[in-house]
Amino acid sequence: MDSLNDAAQGDEKLLGHLIRLASKIANQLEIAESGFRTVINTGLDGGQSVSHLHVHLLGGRSLSWPPG
């Protein structure tokens, strides 16, 4: 799967697994309680520079909104 645009019916289990895994890692890194952000970049204008679906886990500091 190159990006979220390629997700098809039936990929819900995989997508849910990725999000749940991000939460698990945030807990392991001890940033879950204070808060974290998950990001999936899609397409060039969305900041995707690697052509496979992946989740970014951001945390360990205060994050502002809107993101840059």
N, C-alpha and C. Protein backbone atom coordinates (compact mmCIF):
# COMPACT_ATOMS: atom_id res chain seq x y z
N MET A 1 0.86 -1.16 0.00
CA MET A 1 0.00 0.00 0.00
C MET A 1 0.91 1.23 0.00
N ASP A 2 0.83 2.01 -1.05
CA ASP A 2 1.70 3.19 -1.18
C ASP A 2 1.27 4.36 -0.30
N SER A 3 -0.02 4.51 -0.08
CA SER A 3 -0.51 5.62 0.73
C SER A 3 -1.90 5.28 1.24
N LEU A 4 -2.44 6.16 2.06
CA LEU A 4 -3.79 5.96 2.56
C LEU A 4 -4.81 5.96 1.41
N ASN A 5 -4.48 6.63 0.31
CA ASN A 5 -5.36 6.61 -0.86
C ASN A 5 -5.54 5.21 -1.44
N ASP A 6 -4.61 4.32 -1.16
CA ASP A 6 -4.69 2.96 -1.68
C ASP A 6 -5.43 2.00 -0.76
N ALA A 7 -5.84 2.48 0.40
CA ALA A 7 -6.57 1.62 1.33
C ALA A 7 -7.89 1.20 0.70
N ALA A 8 -8.18 -0.05 0.85
CA ALA A 8 -9.39 -0.61 0.24
C ALA A 8 -10.28 -1.21 1.33
N GLN A 9 -11.51 -1.52 0.94
CA GLN A 9 -12.40 -2.24 1.85
C GLN A 9 -11.68 -3.50 2.27
N GLY A 10 -11.67 -3.79 3.52
CA GLY A 10 -10.97 -4.96 4.04
C GLY A 10 -9.64 -4.59 4.69
N ASP A 11 -9.17 -3.37 4.49
CA ASP A 11 -7.91 -2.93 5.10
C ASP A 11 -8.12 -2.35 6.50
N GLU A 12 -9.36 -2.35 6.97
CA GLU A 12 -9.65 -1.76 8.27
C GLU A 12 -8.86 -2.42 9.39
N LYS A 13 -8.67 -3.74 9.31
CA LYS A 13 -7.94 -4.44 10.36
C LYS A 13 -6.49 -3.96 10.40
N LEU A 14 -5.86 -3.82 9.25
CA LEU A 14 -4.48 -3.34 9.19
C LEU A 14 -4.38 -1.90 9.69
N LEU A 15 -5.29 -1.03 9.24
CA LEU A 15 -5.26 0.38 9.65
C LEU A 15 -5.50 0.52 11.15
N GLY A 16 -6.43 -0.25 11.67
CA GLY A 16 -6.68 -0.24 13.11
C GLY A 16 -5.47 -0.74 13.88
N HIS A 17 -4.79 -1.73 13.34
CA HIS A 17 -3.59 -2.27 13.98
C HIS A 17 -2.50 -1.20 14.05
N LEU A 18 -2.32 -0.44 12.98
CA LEU A 18 -1.30 0.61 12.96
C LEU A 18 -1.58 1.66 14.04
N ILE A 19 -2.83 2.08 14.17
CA ILE A 19 -3.18 3.08 15.17
C ILE A 19 -3.02 2.52 16.58
N ARG A 20 -3.45 1.29 16.79
CA ARG A 20 -3.31 0.66 18.11
C ARG A 20 -1.83 0.49 18.47
N LEU A 21 -1.01 0.14 17.48
CA LEU A 21 0.42 -0.02 17.71
C LEU A 21 1.07 1.32 18.08
N ALA A 22 0.62 2.40 17.46
CA ALA A 22 1.13 3.72 17.81
C ALA A 22 0.84 4.02 19.28
N SER A 23 -0.35 3.68 19.74
CA SER A 23 -0.72 3.89 21.14
C SER A 23 0.15 3.03 22.06
N LYS A 24 0.39 1.79 21.67
CA LYS A 24 1.23 0.89 22.46
C LYS A 24 2.65 1.45 22.58
N ILE A 25 3.19 1.94 21.48
CA ILE A 25 4.54 2.50 21.49
C ILE A 25 4.58 3.76 22.35
N ALA A 26 3.55 4.60 22.25
CA ALA A 26 3.48 5.81 23.08
C ALA A 26 3.51 5.44 24.56
N ASN A 27 2.82 4.38 24.92
CA ASN A 27 2.85 3.91 26.31
C ASN A 27 4.23 3.41 26.69
N GLN A 28 4.89 2.68 25.80
CA GLN A 28 6.24 2.18 26.08
C GLN A 28 7.23 3.34 26.24
N LEU A 29 7.03 4.41 25.48
CA LEU A 29 7.91 5.58 25.55
C LEU A 29 7.53 6.52 26.70
N GLU A 30 6.45 6.16 27.40
CA GLU A 30 5.93 6.93 28.53
C GLU A 30 5.53 8.36 28.14
N ILE A 31 4.93 8.49 26.94
CA ILE A 31 4.41 9.78 26.49
C ILE A 31 2.89 9.74 26.34
N ALA A 32 2.28 8.59 26.57
CA ALA A 32 0.84 8.44 26.34
C ALA A 32 0.02 9.30 27.29
N GLU A 33 0.41 9.34 28.55
CA GLU A 33 -0.39 10.07 29.55
C GLU A 33 -0.38 11.57 29.29
N SER A 34 0.78 12.12 28.90
CA SER A 34 0.86 13.56 28.65
C SER A 34 0.30 13.93 27.28
N GLY A 35 0.28 12.97 26.37
CA GLY A 35 -0.32 13.20 25.05
C GLY A 35 0.65 13.02 23.90
N PHE A 36 0.09 12.63 22.77
CA PHE A 36 0.88 12.42 21.57
C PHE A 36 0.00 12.65 20.36
N ARG A 37 0.62 12.71 19.20
CA ARG A 37 -0.10 12.92 17.95
C ARG A 37 0.32 11.83 16.96
N THR A 38 -0.64 11.32 16.20
CA THR A 38 -0.34 10.40 15.11
C THR A 38 -0.60 11.14 13.80
N VAL A 39 0.26 10.90 12.82
CA VAL A 39 0.16 11.58 11.53
C VAL A 39 0.36 10.54 10.43
N ILE A 40 -0.50 10.58 9.43
CA ILE A 40 -0.31 9.79 8.21
C ILE A 40 -0.27 10.78 7.06
N ASN A 41 0.90 11.00 6.50
CA ASN A 41 1.03 11.90 5.35
C ASN A 41 0.59 11.16 4.09
N THR A 42 -0.19 11.83 3.26
CA THR A 42 -0.69 11.23 2.03
C THR A 42 -0.49 12.19 0.87
N GLY A 43 0.26 11.77 -0.14
CA GLY A 43 0.49 12.59 -1.33
C GLY A 43 1.55 13.66 -1.10
N LEU A 44 2.04 14.21 -2.19
CA LEU A 44 3.11 15.21 -2.12
C LEU A 44 2.71 16.43 -1.31
N ASP A 45 1.52 16.97 -1.55
CA ASP A 45 1.08 18.14 -0.80
C ASP A 45 0.80 17.82 0.66
N GLY A 46 0.59 16.56 0.97
CA GLY A 46 0.38 16.13 2.35
C GLY A 46 1.68 15.83 3.08
N GLY A 47 2.81 16.01 2.39
CA GLY A 47 4.11 15.81 3.01
C GLY A 47 4.65 14.39 2.91
N GLN A 48 4.02 13.54 2.10
CA GLN A 48 4.50 12.16 1.97
C GLN A 48 5.73 12.13 1.07
N SER A 49 6.86 11.70 1.62
CA SER A 49 8.09 11.62 0.85
C SER A 49 8.57 10.18 0.67
N VAL A 50 7.94 9.25 1.35
CA VAL A 50 8.26 7.82 1.23
C VAL A 50 7.00 7.12 0.74
N SER A 51 7.13 6.35 -0.32
CA SER A 51 5.93 5.79 -0.95
C SER A 51 5.50 4.46 -0.35
N HIS A 52 5.23 4.46 0.93
CA HIS A 52 4.53 3.37 1.60
C HIS A 52 3.77 3.95 2.79
N LEU A 53 2.68 3.31 3.12
CA LEU A 53 1.85 3.78 4.23
C LEU A 53 2.60 3.57 5.54
N HIS A 54 2.71 4.62 6.33
CA HIS A 54 3.32 4.54 7.65
C HIS A 54 2.72 5.63 8.54
N VAL A 55 2.87 5.43 9.83
CA VAL A 55 2.32 6.35 10.82
C VAL A 55 3.47 7.02 11.56
N HIS A 56 3.39 8.34 11.68
CA HIS A 56 4.35 9.09 12.49
C HIS A 56 3.76 9.24 13.89
N LEU A 57 4.58 9.03 14.89
CA LEU A 57 4.19 9.21 16.28
C LEU A 57 4.98 10.38 16.84
N LEU A 58 4.28 11.45 17.21
CA LEU A 58 4.92 12.66 17.71
C LEU A 58 4.54 12.85 19.17
N GLY A 59 5.50 13.14 20.00
CA GLY A 59 5.20 13.36 21.41
C GLY A 59 6.46 13.68 22.18
N GLY A 60 6.30 13.74 23.48
CA GLY A 60 7.42 14.04 24.34
C GLY A 60 7.64 15.53 24.55
N ARG A 61 6.75 16.33 24.00
CA ARG A 61 6.80 17.78 24.18
C ARG A 61 5.41 18.33 23.88
N SER A 62 5.19 19.58 24.20
CA SER A 62 3.91 20.21 23.90
C SER A 62 3.84 20.50 22.40
N LEU A 63 2.77 20.08 21.76
CA LEU A 63 2.58 20.29 20.33
C LEU A 63 1.56 21.39 20.11
N SER A 64 1.85 22.29 19.21
CA SER A 64 0.92 23.40 18.96
C SER A 64 -0.08 23.04 17.86
N TRP A 65 -1.10 23.87 17.74
CA TRP A 65 -2.11 23.69 16.69
C TRP A 65 -2.43 25.06 16.11
N PRO A 66 -2.57 25.21 14.85
CA PRO A 66 -2.46 24.14 13.85
C PRO A 66 -1.01 23.76 13.60
N PRO A 67 -0.79 22.54 13.12
CA PRO A 67 0.57 22.11 12.81
C PRO A 67 1.11 22.89 11.62
N GLY A 68 2.41 22.95 11.51
CA GLY A 68 3.09 23.74 10.48
C GLY A 68 2.89 23.24 9.12
